[in-house]
Protein backbone atom coordinates (compact mmCIF):
# COMPACT_ATOMS: atom_id res chain seq x y z
CA UNK A 1 129.97 129.44 26.24
CA UNK A 2 129.27 126.82 29.22
CA UNK A 3 128.58 129.14 32.08
CA UNK A 4 126.36 126.49 34.00
CA UNK A 5 129.98 125.00 35.77
CA UNK A 6 131.51 127.83 36.47
CA UNK A 7 127.73 128.97 38.29
CA UNK A 8 127.97 125.68 40.27
CA UNK A 9 131.45 126.14 41.56
CA UNK A 10 130.63 129.04 42.55
CA UNK A 11 127.45 129.27 44.33
CA UNK A 12 128.90 125.92 45.92
CA UNK A 13 132.35 127.29 47.09
CA UNK A 14 130.25 130.27 48.86
CA UNK A 15 127.49 128.38 50.84
CA UNK A 16 129.85 128.74 53.80
CA UNK A 17 130.03 132.41 53.27
CA UNK A 18 126.06 132.22 53.43
CA UNK A 19 125.79 130.28 56.52
CA UNK A 20 128.88 132.42 58.32
CA UNK A 21 127.31 135.40 57.45
CA UNK A 22 123.68 135.00 58.48
CA UNK A 23 124.91 133.79 62.21
CA UNK A 24 126.89 136.87 62.17
CA UNK A 25 123.35 138.73 61.51
CA UNK A 26 121.89 136.89 64.26
CA UNK A 27 124.78 137.36 66.51
CA UNK A 28 124.59 141.20 65.98
CA UNK A 29 128.10 141.33 64.68
CA UNK A 30 128.18 143.55 62.07
CA UNK A 31 130.61 143.15 58.81
CA UNK A 32 132.16 146.36 57.24
CA UNK A 33 132.51 147.09 53.73
CA UNK A 34 136.09 146.41 53.61
CA UNK A 35 135.90 143.05 55.25
CA UNK A 36 133.14 142.10 52.90
CA UNK A 37 135.38 143.17 50.09
CA UNK A 38 138.44 141.66 51.74
CA UNK A 39 137.00 138.15 52.04
CA UNK A 40 135.59 138.33 48.44
CA UNK A 41 139.01 139.25 47.38
CA UNK A 42 140.95 136.56 49.28
CA UNK A 43 138.10 133.42 48.56
CA UNK A 44 138.59 134.30 45.03
CA UNK A 45 142.30 134.16 44.67
CA UNK A 46 142.40 131.10 46.50
CA UNK A 47 139.77 129.88 43.80
CA UNK A 48 141.63 130.96 40.93
CA UNK A 49 144.94 129.37 42.32
CA UNK A 50 143.79 126.37 42.85
CA UNK A 51 142.14 125.96 39.71
CA UNK A 52 144.91 126.77 37.89
CA UNK A 53 146.76 124.16 39.66
CA UNK A 54 143.98 121.91 39.14
CA UNK A 55 144.28 122.11 35.18
CA UNK A 56 147.81 121.63 35.36
CA UNK A 57 147.46 118.29 36.58
CA UNK A 58 144.55 117.42 34.35
CA UNK A 59 147.08 117.90 31.55
CA UNK A 60 149.43 115.37 33.22
CA UNK A 61 146.36 112.98 33.06
CA UNK A 62 144.33 111.21 30.49
CA UNK A 63 140.95 113.32 30.01
CA UNK A 64 139.33 109.69 30.59
CA UNK A 65 140.41 109.21 33.62
CA UNK A 66 140.14 113.05 35.07
CA UNK A 67 136.95 113.73 34.41
CA UNK A 68 135.01 111.06 36.04
CA UNK A 69 137.68 110.72 39.21
CA UNK A 70 136.77 114.36 39.49
CA UNK A 71 133.04 113.89 39.08
CA UNK A 72 133.20 111.25 41.80
CA UNK A 73 135.43 113.40 43.96
CA UNK A 74 132.10 116.10 44.27
CA UNK A 75 129.97 113.27 44.36
CA UNK A 76 131.73 111.96 47.47
CA UNK A 77 131.93 115.12 49.34
CA UNK A 78 128.42 115.90 48.65
CA UNK A 79 127.52 112.17 50.74
CA UNK A 80 129.74 113.29 52.98
CA UNK A 81 127.49 116.38 53.59
CA UNK A 82 124.07 114.21 53.97
CA UNK A 83 126.46 111.98 56.27
CA UNK A 84 127.53 114.82 57.97
CA UNK A 85 123.92 116.16 58.19
CA UNK A 86 122.12 113.00 59.98
CA UNK A 87 125.28 112.96 63.08
CA UNK A 88 123.90 116.50 63.71
CA UNK A 89 120.49 115.77 63.82
CA UNK A 90 121.77 112.74 65.78
CA UNK A 91 123.80 115.02 68.18
CA UNK A 92 121.06 117.31 68.39
CA UNK A 93 118.92 114.56 69.87
CA UNK A 94 121.80 113.64 72.54
CA UNK A 95 122.33 110.41 70.97
CA UNK A 96 125.79 108.85 70.43
CA UNK A 97 128.17 110.23 67.50
CA UNK A 98 131.44 108.76 68.60
CA UNK A 99 131.65 106.77 65.67
CA UNK A 100 131.63 109.87 63.08
CA UNK A 101 134.40 112.24 62.03
CA UNK A 102 133.95 115.48 63.73
CA UNK A 103 135.54 118.41 62.97
CA UNK A 104 136.31 120.97 66.39
CA UNK A 105 138.14 123.39 64.97
CA UNK A 106 137.31 126.98 65.41
CA UNK A 107 135.45 127.19 61.76
CA UNK A 108 134.38 124.12 61.99
CA UNK A 109 132.05 125.43 64.92
CA UNK A 110 131.36 127.97 63.90
CA UNK A 111 129.83 126.35 60.65
CA UNK A 112 127.80 124.08 62.79
CA UNK A 113 126.53 125.70 66.01
CA UNK A 114 127.35 129.15 64.72
CA UNK A 115 129.98 130.26 67.83
CA UNK A 116 131.98 133.37 66.90
CA UNK A 117 133.58 134.23 69.65
CA UNK A 118 136.99 133.15 68.26
CA UNK A 119 136.41 135.61 65.56
CA UNK A 120 134.07 138.30 66.74
CA UNK A 121 134.61 141.06 70.39
CA UNK A 122 131.55 141.98 70.85
CA UNK A 123 129.37 142.86 67.99
CA UNK A 124 132.74 143.92 66.09
CA UNK A 125 135.43 141.43 63.61
CA UNK A 126 138.86 143.00 63.96
CA UNK A 127 141.06 142.82 60.40
CA UNK A 128 143.30 139.95 62.05
CA UNK A 129 139.88 137.96 62.78
CA UNK A 130 139.18 139.20 59.36
CA UNK A 131 142.37 137.55 57.51
CA UNK A 132 141.15 134.28 59.88
CA UNK A 133 137.70 133.98 58.30
CA UNK A 134 138.98 134.59 54.69
CA UNK A 135 141.55 131.43 55.62
CA UNK A 136 138.91 129.12 56.84
CA UNK A 137 136.39 129.80 53.90
CA UNK A 138 138.81 129.72 51.60
CA UNK A 139 139.14 126.10 52.89
CA UNK A 140 136.11 124.52 50.38
CA UNK A 141 137.38 127.04 47.86
CA UNK A 142 140.43 125.70 47.65
CA UNK A 143 139.41 121.78 47.57
CA UNK A 144 136.14 122.60 44.71
CA UNK A 145 138.98 124.72 42.85
CA UNK A 146 140.94 121.92 42.29
CA UNK A 147 138.11 119.44 41.07
CA UNK A 148 137.46 122.63 39.12
CA UNK A 149 140.56 122.57 37.22
CA UNK A 150 140.79 118.73 37.15
CA UNK A 151 137.19 119.30 35.36
CA UNK A 152 138.82 121.85 32.80
CA UNK A 153 136.10 124.72 34.03
CA UNK A 154 136.13 127.87 32.49
CA UNK A 155 138.73 129.84 34.70
CA UNK A 156 137.85 133.23 33.69
CA UNK A 157 134.16 132.87 34.22
CA UNK A 158 134.47 131.14 37.75
CA UNK A 159 136.70 133.90 39.07
CA UNK A 160 133.70 136.34 37.62
CA UNK A 161 131.31 134.57 39.53
CA UNK A 162 132.93 133.52 42.42
CA UNK A 163 134.29 137.13 43.27
CA UNK A 164 130.20 138.32 43.09
CA UNK A 165 128.52 135.97 44.54
CA UNK A 166 130.82 135.84 47.53
CA UNK A 167 129.92 139.55 48.12
CA UNK A 168 125.95 138.92 47.34
CA UNK A 169 126.06 135.62 49.55
CA UNK A 170 127.60 138.09 52.65
CA UNK A 171 124.85 140.76 51.75
CA UNK A 172 122.08 138.15 51.69
CA UNK A 173 122.86 136.32 54.88
CA UNK A 174 123.46 139.46 56.54
CA UNK A 175 120.52 141.42 55.72
CA UNK A 176 117.66 138.81 55.10
CA UNK A 177 117.18 136.50 58.35
CA UNK A 178 113.45 136.40 58.29
CA UNK A 179 112.59 134.53 55.26
CA UNK A 180 111.67 131.10 55.84
CA UNK A 181 113.79 129.50 52.87
CA UNK A 182 116.59 130.94 54.23
CA UNK A 183 115.82 129.86 57.71
CA UNK A 184 115.36 126.44 56.29
CA UNK A 185 118.53 127.00 54.38
CA UNK A 186 120.90 127.60 57.61
CA UNK A 187 119.01 124.57 59.60
CA UNK A 188 119.75 121.95 56.14
CA UNK A 189 122.62 123.23 55.06
CA UNK A 190 124.81 120.48 54.71
CA UNK A 191 121.45 118.85 52.88
CA UNK A 192 121.29 121.30 50.55
CA UNK A 193 125.24 121.59 49.67
CA UNK A 194 125.27 118.18 49.58
CA UNK A 195 122.32 117.71 46.82
CA UNK A 196 124.08 121.01 44.96
CA UNK A 197 127.90 118.68 45.03
CA UNK A 198 126.22 115.40 44.30
CA UNK A 199 124.06 117.25 41.21
CA UNK A 200 127.35 119.17 39.91
CA UNK A 201 129.43 115.78 39.94
CA UNK A 202 126.45 113.87 37.84
CA UNK A 203 126.14 116.71 35.22
CA UNK A 204 129.43 117.26 34.50
CA UNK A 205 129.97 113.06 33.82
CA UNK A 206 126.50 112.99 32.17
CA UNK A 207 126.81 116.50 30.09
């Protein structure tokens, strides 16, 4: 039984969750147990649906086409994350970044700058904003879930890992903020995400 691919899928899908949880902790915004459970259920459910759709699409196409295509998509997304890291570094030095594609949505600003104001009122996140946050966090799950479905990665294992890792990422991001590695991970989020996705894509193609 291959648990490697479902594990990589779950880790890649929930790095956003860790980053958001870490920002919440730094901004003194609390995430209640019910909210943690809700976020985990919604993100896991979207992973399940997107994987089912991806698997259905894969059955309509030749395996010789689907597998390389899925791997190329993973590597492309990983490369994009490296480019985004470079853009943010240049922006922090007040260099011109107008020729880059920028995401100025509420969620984009949250991931890049830790701007919690659209989602939190003082030190509390409402139920409505928890739903919005869950949907935003599901964007990555939908994309990677579709690719995982194309690659015929085990859905039951992926759902199990996704639910558990989602909860763990929220807890780790919320309660552990002083370790040097976690500080590095927050600052170099896109480098780590890009490396993980490129590694996953290469493994799926070569193994």
